[in-house]
Amino acid sequence: MKFKYDQRSGKIPQVDLIPMLTVMMGVLAFFVVVTMTLGTESLIEVQLPAEEQPDAAPADLPADPFIVEMGRDGELLLNGQPSDSETIKAQIQTYLERSPQNTVFLLPDQDLPYEQVMQFLGEMRQVGGDRVSLAIEEN
C-alpha cells in the first residue's frame, strides 16, 4: 500500500488523534451509563431447591395450605376462590401470624408473562417475607 505525499515539500502527513479520542470517550461514557443503569435494578431473590435424590419423598404440605393461583388472564384465586390483591395480602398476613412455620405458595399459570408473576410475588414478599414461595405445577 503506497501513500502519496508531496516529495517537494518533504512533509510527512500527520494523523489528527483528537476526533478519534472524542469518539472513544463517547463510547466509554455510553457503556458506563448503561452499566450503571442495569446494575441498579432491584431483583427478587428466589432460592432454588437443592437437587433431590430420586428416592426422596416429597415434602408434606400443611393441613391447610395457603395457595394463591394466578390465572391465564391475571385473575387471582385464593384456595380456588376468586379474590383481589388487597384481600389476599391481608389474608397472607393473618395466615402467617396464625401459623408461624407454614409457607404461602404462589402458583401462576405457565402462559403468564414472567414480569407479571415476579411483580406480584414481590408484592406478596413485602407482606410475608421469605415465607412466600413460588410453586411450580408438575405435569
N, C-alpha and C. Protein backbone atom coordinates (compact mmCIF):
# COMPACT_ATOMS: atom_id res chain seq x y z
N MET A 1 0.84 -1.15 0.00
CA MET A 1 0.00 0.00 0.00
C MET A 1 0.90 1.23 0.00
N LYS A 2 0.71 2.09 -0.95
CA LYS A 2 1.54 3.28 -1.08
C LYS A 2 0.79 4.51 -0.60
N PHE A 3 1.47 5.35 0.09
CA PHE A 3 0.94 6.64 0.49
C PHE A 3 1.63 7.69 -0.34
N LYS A 4 0.84 8.58 -0.83
CA LYS A 4 1.43 9.66 -1.62
C LYS A 4 1.62 10.86 -0.72
N TYR A 5 2.76 11.44 -0.80
CA TYR A 5 2.96 12.71 -0.13
C TYR A 5 3.86 13.56 -1.01
N ASP A 6 3.73 14.77 -0.78
CA ASP A 6 4.42 15.73 -1.64
C ASP A 6 5.92 15.65 -1.36
N GLN A 7 6.64 15.12 -2.32
CA GLN A 7 8.08 14.97 -2.13
C GLN A 7 8.79 16.31 -2.23
N ARG A 8 8.14 17.27 -2.85
CA ARG A 8 8.79 18.57 -2.98
C ARG A 8 8.87 19.27 -1.64
N SER A 9 7.81 19.19 -0.86
CA SER A 9 7.85 19.90 0.42
C SER A 9 8.54 19.05 1.48
N GLY A 10 8.54 17.74 1.31
CA GLY A 10 9.21 16.86 2.25
C GLY A 10 8.45 16.66 3.56
N LYS A 11 7.19 17.06 3.60
CA LYS A 11 6.41 16.90 4.83
C LYS A 11 5.73 15.54 4.84
N ILE A 12 5.78 14.89 5.96
CA ILE A 12 5.09 13.61 6.15
C ILE A 12 3.68 13.93 6.64
N PRO A 13 2.67 13.28 6.06
CA PRO A 13 1.29 13.57 6.51
C PRO A 13 1.12 13.21 7.98
N GLN A 14 0.31 13.98 8.69
CA GLN A 14 0.09 13.75 10.12
C GLN A 14 -1.35 13.26 10.33
N VAL A 15 -1.50 12.42 11.34
CA VAL A 15 -2.81 11.90 11.70
C VAL A 15 -3.30 12.69 12.90
N ASP A 16 -4.51 13.24 12.80
CA ASP A 16 -5.09 14.00 13.90
C ASP A 16 -5.83 13.03 14.83
N LEU A 17 -5.36 12.88 16.06
CA LEU A 17 -5.92 11.91 17.00
C LEU A 17 -7.11 12.44 17.79
N ILE A 18 -7.34 13.73 17.79
CA ILE A 18 -8.40 14.33 18.60
C ILE A 18 -9.78 13.78 18.23
N PRO A 19 -10.18 13.71 16.95
CA PRO A 19 -11.51 13.15 16.65
C PRO A 19 -11.65 11.68 17.09
N MET A 20 -10.59 10.91 16.94
CA MET A 20 -10.65 9.51 17.36
C MET A 20 -10.83 9.41 18.87
N LEU A 21 -10.12 10.24 19.63
CA LEU A 21 -10.25 10.21 21.09
C LEU A 21 -11.64 10.69 21.53
N THR A 22 -12.21 11.64 20.81
CA THR A 22 -13.56 12.11 21.13
C THR A 22 -14.57 10.99 20.96
N VAL A 23 -14.46 10.25 19.89
CA VAL A 23 -15.37 9.12 19.65
C VAL A 23 -15.17 8.06 20.72
N MET A 24 -13.94 7.75 21.06
CA MET A 24 -13.66 6.72 22.07
C MET A 24 -14.21 7.12 23.43
N MET A 25 -14.11 8.39 23.80
CA MET A 25 -14.64 8.85 25.09
C MET A 25 -16.18 8.78 25.08
N GLY A 26 -16.81 9.07 23.94
CA GLY A 26 -18.26 8.95 23.83
C GLY A 26 -18.72 7.52 24.01
N VAL A 27 -18.01 6.57 23.40
CA VAL A 27 -18.34 5.15 23.54
C VAL A 27 -18.13 4.70 24.98
N LEU A 28 -17.05 5.13 25.61
CA LEU A 28 -16.78 4.78 27.01
C LEU A 28 -17.89 5.32 27.91
N ALA A 29 -18.28 6.57 27.71
CA ALA A 29 -19.35 7.16 28.52
C ALA A 29 -20.66 6.39 28.34
N PHE A 30 -20.97 5.98 27.12
CA PHE A 30 -22.18 5.20 26.86
C PHE A 30 -22.17 3.90 27.67
N PHE A 31 -21.07 3.17 27.63
CA PHE A 31 -21.02 1.89 28.35
C PHE A 31 -21.05 2.08 29.86
N VAL A 32 -20.47 3.14 30.36
CA VAL A 32 -20.53 3.41 31.80
C VAL A 32 -21.97 3.68 32.22
N VAL A 33 -22.69 4.49 31.45
CA VAL A 33 -24.08 4.80 31.79
C VAL A 33 -24.95 3.55 31.71
N VAL A 34 -24.78 2.75 30.68
CA VAL A 34 -25.57 1.53 30.54
C VAL A 34 -25.27 0.56 31.68
N THR A 35 -24.02 0.41 32.04
CA THR A 35 -23.64 -0.49 33.12
C THR A 35 -24.24 -0.04 34.46
N MET A 36 -24.19 1.24 34.72
CA MET A 36 -24.74 1.76 35.98
C MET A 36 -26.26 1.60 36.02
N THR A 37 -26.92 1.78 34.89
CA THR A 37 -28.38 1.65 34.84
C THR A 37 -28.80 0.20 35.07
N LEU A 38 -28.12 -0.73 34.41
CA LEU A 38 -28.50 -2.14 34.56
C LEU A 38 -28.13 -2.68 35.93
N GLY A 39 -27.14 -2.12 36.56
CA GLY A 39 -26.70 -2.61 37.87
C GLY A 39 -27.60 -2.19 39.00
N THR A 40 -28.48 -1.22 38.80
CA THR A 40 -29.31 -0.73 39.90
C THR A 40 -30.70 -1.34 39.92
N GLU A 41 -31.01 -2.25 39.01
CA GLU A 41 -32.33 -2.88 39.02
C GLU A 41 -32.48 -3.72 40.28
N SER A 42 -33.64 -3.62 40.90
CA SER A 42 -33.89 -4.45 42.08
C SER A 42 -34.45 -5.79 41.62
N LEU A 43 -33.88 -6.83 42.12
CA LEU A 43 -34.29 -8.17 41.74
C LEU A 43 -34.93 -8.87 42.92
N ILE A 44 -35.73 -9.83 42.63
CA ILE A 44 -36.33 -10.65 43.68
C ILE A 44 -35.49 -11.90 43.81
N GLU A 45 -35.01 -12.12 45.01
CA GLU A 45 -34.19 -13.30 45.23
C GLU A 45 -35.08 -14.52 45.41
N VAL A 46 -34.84 -15.52 44.64
CA VAL A 46 -35.59 -16.77 44.73
C VAL A 46 -34.59 -17.87 45.01
N GLN A 47 -34.78 -18.56 46.10
CA GLN A 47 -33.89 -19.67 46.43
C GLN A 47 -34.34 -20.90 45.66
N LEU A 48 -33.44 -21.43 44.87
CA LEU A 48 -33.75 -22.63 44.12
C LEU A 48 -33.59 -23.85 45.03
N PRO A 49 -34.43 -24.84 44.85
CA PRO A 49 -34.31 -26.03 45.71
C PRO A 49 -33.06 -26.81 45.35
N ALA A 50 -32.51 -27.48 46.35
CA ALA A 50 -31.36 -28.34 46.12
C ALA A 50 -31.82 -29.55 45.32
N GLU A 51 -30.89 -30.16 44.63
CA GLU A 51 -31.26 -31.35 43.86
C GLU A 51 -31.70 -32.45 44.81
N GLU A 52 -32.83 -33.05 44.48
CA GLU A 52 -33.36 -34.11 45.32
C GLU A 52 -32.91 -35.46 44.79
N GLN A 53 -32.77 -36.37 45.69
CA GLN A 53 -32.46 -37.74 45.31
C GLN A 53 -33.72 -38.35 44.72
N PRO A 54 -33.60 -39.22 43.72
CA PRO A 54 -34.79 -39.79 43.09
C PRO A 54 -35.68 -40.57 44.05
N ASP A 55 -35.12 -41.15 45.10
CA ASP A 55 -35.92 -41.95 46.02
C ASP A 55 -36.44 -41.13 47.20
N ALA A 56 -36.15 -39.82 47.23
CA ALA A 56 -36.58 -38.98 48.34
C ALA A 56 -38.08 -38.71 48.25
N ALA A 57 -38.74 -38.73 49.41
CA ALA A 57 -40.18 -38.46 49.45
C ALA A 57 -40.41 -36.95 49.36
N PRO A 58 -41.47 -36.52 48.68
CA PRO A 58 -41.75 -35.08 48.61
C PRO A 58 -42.11 -34.53 49.97
N ALA A 59 -41.85 -33.24 50.16
CA ALA A 59 -42.15 -32.60 51.44
C ALA A 59 -43.67 -32.56 51.65
N ASP A 60 -44.08 -32.76 52.89
CA ASP A 60 -45.50 -32.75 53.22
C ASP A 60 -46.03 -31.33 53.23
N LEU A 61 -47.23 -31.16 52.66
CA LEU A 61 -47.91 -29.87 52.71
C LEU A 61 -48.64 -29.76 54.04
N PRO A 62 -48.81 -28.53 54.54
CA PRO A 62 -49.56 -28.38 55.79
C PRO A 62 -51.02 -28.79 55.58
N ALA A 63 -51.72 -29.00 56.69
CA ALA A 63 -53.12 -29.44 56.62
C ALA A 63 -53.99 -28.40 55.92
N ASP A 64 -53.69 -27.12 56.12
CA ASP A 64 -54.46 -26.05 55.47
C ASP A 64 -53.51 -25.18 54.64
N PRO A 65 -53.12 -25.65 53.45
CA PRO A 65 -52.16 -24.87 52.65
C PRO A 65 -52.78 -23.56 52.16
N PHE A 66 -51.95 -22.56 52.06
CA PHE A 66 -52.38 -21.25 51.56
C PHE A 66 -51.80 -21.11 50.16
N ILE A 67 -52.64 -21.32 49.15
CA ILE A 67 -52.19 -21.32 47.76
C ILE A 67 -52.91 -20.20 47.02
N VAL A 68 -52.11 -19.29 46.45
CA VAL A 68 -52.64 -18.21 45.62
C VAL A 68 -52.34 -18.59 44.18
N GLU A 69 -53.38 -18.69 43.37
CA GLU A 69 -53.21 -19.04 41.96
C GLU A 69 -53.42 -17.80 41.10
N MET A 70 -52.59 -17.68 40.07
CA MET A 70 -52.77 -16.61 39.08
C MET A 70 -53.22 -17.27 37.79
N GLY A 71 -54.42 -16.90 37.35
CA GLY A 71 -54.97 -17.49 36.14
C GLY A 71 -54.37 -16.89 34.88
N ARG A 72 -54.76 -17.44 33.76
CA ARG A 72 -54.23 -17.03 32.45
C ARG A 72 -54.46 -15.54 32.18
N ASP A 73 -55.59 -15.00 32.63
CA ASP A 73 -55.92 -13.60 32.40
C ASP A 73 -55.45 -12.71 33.54
N GLY A 74 -54.70 -13.24 34.49
CA GLY A 74 -54.21 -12.46 35.61
C GLY A 74 -55.15 -12.45 36.80
N GLU A 75 -56.28 -13.20 36.73
CA GLU A 75 -57.19 -13.23 37.86
C GLU A 75 -56.55 -14.03 39.00
N LEU A 76 -56.88 -13.63 40.22
CA LEU A 76 -56.28 -14.25 41.41
C LEU A 76 -57.30 -15.16 42.08
N LEU A 77 -56.85 -16.34 42.43
CA LEU A 77 -57.68 -17.30 43.14
C LEU A 77 -57.00 -17.67 44.44
N LEU A 78 -57.74 -17.59 45.54
CA LEU A 78 -57.21 -17.96 46.85
C LEU A 78 -57.85 -19.28 47.25
N ASN A 79 -57.04 -20.34 47.26
CA ASN A 79 -57.53 -21.69 47.54
C ASN A 79 -58.74 -22.03 46.68
N GLY A 80 -58.69 -21.63 45.39
CA GLY A 80 -59.74 -21.95 44.44
C GLY A 80 -60.87 -20.94 44.35
N GLN A 81 -60.92 -19.94 45.24
CA GLN A 81 -61.98 -18.94 45.24
C GLN A 81 -61.45 -17.62 44.69
N PRO A 82 -62.20 -16.95 43.79
CA PRO A 82 -61.75 -15.66 43.25
C PRO A 82 -61.57 -14.62 44.36
N SER A 83 -60.54 -13.81 44.22
CA SER A 83 -60.24 -12.79 45.23
C SER A 83 -59.46 -11.66 44.57
N ASP A 84 -59.26 -10.56 45.32
CA ASP A 84 -58.47 -9.46 44.79
C ASP A 84 -57.16 -9.35 45.56
N SER A 85 -56.26 -8.54 45.05
CA SER A 85 -54.90 -8.44 45.57
C SER A 85 -54.85 -8.00 47.04
N GLU A 86 -55.60 -6.96 47.38
CA GLU A 86 -55.56 -6.42 48.75
C GLU A 86 -56.10 -7.43 49.76
N THR A 87 -57.17 -8.12 49.41
CA THR A 87 -57.73 -9.14 50.31
C THR A 87 -56.73 -10.27 50.52
N ILE A 88 -56.07 -10.66 49.46
CA ILE A 88 -55.08 -11.74 49.56
C ILE A 88 -53.93 -11.33 50.47
N LYS A 89 -53.45 -10.11 50.33
CA LYS A 89 -52.34 -9.63 51.18
C LYS A 89 -52.74 -9.63 52.65
N ALA A 90 -53.96 -9.18 52.94
CA ALA A 90 -54.43 -9.17 54.33
C ALA A 90 -54.55 -10.59 54.87
N GLN A 91 -55.03 -11.51 54.05
CA GLN A 91 -55.18 -12.89 54.50
C GLN A 91 -53.82 -13.58 54.64
N ILE A 92 -52.85 -13.20 53.82
CA ILE A 92 -51.48 -13.75 53.97
C ILE A 92 -50.93 -13.38 55.34
N GLN A 93 -51.09 -12.11 55.70
CA GLN A 93 -50.58 -11.64 56.98
C GLN A 93 -51.25 -12.38 58.14
N THR A 94 -52.56 -12.55 58.07
CA THR A 94 -53.29 -13.27 59.11
C THR A 94 -52.86 -14.73 59.19
N TYR A 95 -52.71 -15.38 58.04
CA TYR A 95 -52.32 -16.79 57.97
C TYR A 95 -50.93 -17.00 58.57
N LEU A 96 -49.99 -16.14 58.21
CA LEU A 96 -48.62 -16.31 58.70
C LEU A 96 -48.50 -16.00 60.18
N GLU A 97 -49.31 -15.09 60.70
CA GLU A 97 -49.30 -14.83 62.15
C GLU A 97 -49.89 -16.01 62.91
N ARG A 98 -50.90 -16.64 62.33
CA ARG A 98 -51.57 -17.77 62.99
C ARG A 98 -50.71 -19.03 62.97
N SER A 99 -49.98 -19.27 61.90
CA SER A 99 -49.16 -20.48 61.79
C SER A 99 -47.74 -20.08 61.38
N PRO A 100 -46.86 -19.88 62.35
CA PRO A 100 -45.52 -19.33 62.08
C PRO A 100 -44.58 -20.24 61.27
N GLN A 101 -44.87 -21.52 61.15
CA GLN A 101 -43.97 -22.40 60.40
C GLN A 101 -44.44 -22.69 58.98
N ASN A 102 -45.64 -22.27 58.61
CA ASN A 102 -46.17 -22.56 57.29
C ASN A 102 -45.68 -21.56 56.25
N THR A 103 -45.92 -21.91 54.99
CA THR A 103 -45.47 -21.12 53.85
C THR A 103 -46.66 -20.80 52.95
N VAL A 104 -46.61 -19.64 52.31
CA VAL A 104 -47.63 -19.25 51.35
C VAL A 104 -47.07 -19.56 49.96
N PHE A 105 -47.89 -20.17 49.11
CA PHE A 105 -47.44 -20.57 47.78
C PHE A 105 -48.15 -19.75 46.70
N LEU A 106 -47.39 -19.31 45.71
CA LEU A 106 -47.94 -18.64 44.53
C LEU A 106 -47.81 -19.60 43.37
N LEU A 107 -48.95 -19.97 42.79
CA LEU A 107 -48.97 -20.91 41.67
C LEU A 107 -49.48 -20.19 40.43
N PRO A 108 -48.57 -19.68 39.57
CA PRO A 108 -49.01 -18.93 38.38
C PRO A 108 -49.29 -19.85 37.21
N ASP A 109 -50.12 -19.38 36.29
CA ASP A 109 -50.35 -20.08 35.03
C ASP A 109 -49.07 -19.99 34.21
N GLN A 110 -48.74 -21.04 33.50
CA GLN A 110 -47.48 -21.06 32.76
C GLN A 110 -47.46 -20.12 31.57
N ASP A 111 -48.62 -19.63 31.14
CA ASP A 111 -48.68 -18.71 30.00
C ASP A 111 -48.57 -17.25 30.40
N LEU A 112 -48.53 -16.97 31.70
CA LEU A 112 -48.42 -15.58 32.16
C LEU A 112 -47.02 -15.05 31.89
N PRO A 113 -46.90 -13.74 31.62
CA PRO A 113 -45.56 -13.15 31.45
C PRO A 113 -44.78 -13.21 32.76
N TYR A 114 -43.50 -13.46 32.65
CA TYR A 114 -42.61 -13.57 33.80
C TYR A 114 -42.65 -12.31 34.65
N GLU A 115 -42.67 -11.16 34.00
CA GLU A 115 -42.64 -9.88 34.72
C GLU A 115 -43.86 -9.74 35.63
N GLN A 116 -45.03 -10.12 35.13
CA GLN A 116 -46.25 -10.01 35.92
C GLN A 116 -46.20 -10.92 37.14
N VAL A 117 -45.69 -12.13 36.97
CA VAL A 117 -45.59 -13.08 38.08
C VAL A 117 -44.61 -12.57 39.13
N MET A 118 -43.44 -12.09 38.69
CA MET A 118 -42.43 -11.61 39.64
C MET A 118 -42.89 -10.35 40.36
N GLN A 119 -43.67 -9.53 39.68
CA GLN A 119 -44.17 -8.31 40.31
C GLN A 119 -45.13 -8.67 41.44
N PHE A 120 -46.05 -9.60 41.19
CA PHE A 120 -46.99 -9.99 42.24
C PHE A 120 -46.28 -10.77 43.35
N LEU A 121 -45.30 -11.59 42.99
CA LEU A 121 -44.53 -12.30 44.01
C LEU A 121 -43.80 -11.31 44.91
N GLY A 122 -43.28 -10.24 44.33
CA GLY A 122 -42.62 -9.20 45.13
C GLY A 122 -43.58 -8.53 46.08
N GLU A 123 -44.82 -8.26 45.62
CA GLU A 123 -45.83 -7.67 46.50
C GLU A 123 -46.16 -8.61 47.66
N MET A 124 -46.26 -9.91 47.35
CA MET A 124 -46.56 -10.89 48.40
C MET A 124 -45.40 -10.98 49.39
N ARG A 125 -44.17 -10.88 48.88
CA ARG A 125 -42.99 -10.96 49.76
C ARG A 125 -42.87 -9.75 50.67
N GLN A 126 -43.43 -8.61 50.26
CA GLN A 126 -43.43 -7.45 51.14
C GLN A 126 -44.27 -7.72 52.38
N VAL A 127 -45.27 -8.56 52.24
CA VAL A 127 -46.13 -8.90 53.37
C VAL A 127 -45.57 -10.09 54.14
N GLY A 128 -45.16 -11.15 53.42
CA GLY A 128 -44.80 -12.40 54.08
C GLY A 128 -43.31 -12.70 54.15
N GLY A 129 -42.48 -11.88 53.55
CA GLY A 129 -41.04 -12.11 53.61
C GLY A 129 -40.62 -13.39 52.91
N ASP A 130 -39.68 -14.09 53.52
CA ASP A 130 -39.16 -15.31 52.90
C ASP A 130 -40.07 -16.52 53.08
N ARG A 131 -41.23 -16.32 53.68
CA ARG A 131 -42.17 -17.43 53.85
C ARG A 131 -43.18 -17.48 52.71
N VAL A 132 -42.91 -16.72 51.66
CA VAL A 132 -43.71 -16.75 50.44
C VAL A 132 -42.88 -17.43 49.38
N SER A 133 -43.43 -18.42 48.70
CA SER A 133 -42.66 -19.22 47.77
C SER A 133 -43.38 -19.36 46.44
N LEU A 134 -42.60 -19.43 45.38
CA LEU A 134 -43.15 -19.65 44.04
C LEU A 134 -43.28 -21.15 43.83
N ALA A 135 -44.48 -21.60 43.48
CA ALA A 135 -44.73 -23.03 43.29
C ALA A 135 -44.79 -23.33 41.79
N ILE A 136 -44.40 -24.52 41.42
CA ILE A 136 -44.44 -24.96 40.05
C ILE A 136 -45.25 -26.25 40.01
N GLU A 137 -46.20 -26.30 39.10
CA GLU A 137 -47.05 -27.47 38.97
C GLU A 137 -46.36 -28.49 38.09
N GLU A 138 -46.22 -29.71 38.58
CA GLU A 138 -45.59 -30.78 37.79
C GLU A 138 -46.62 -31.37 36.85
N ASN A 139 -46.15 -31.71 35.66
CA ASN A 139 -47.06 -32.34 34.68
C ASN A 139 -47.00 -33.83 34.77
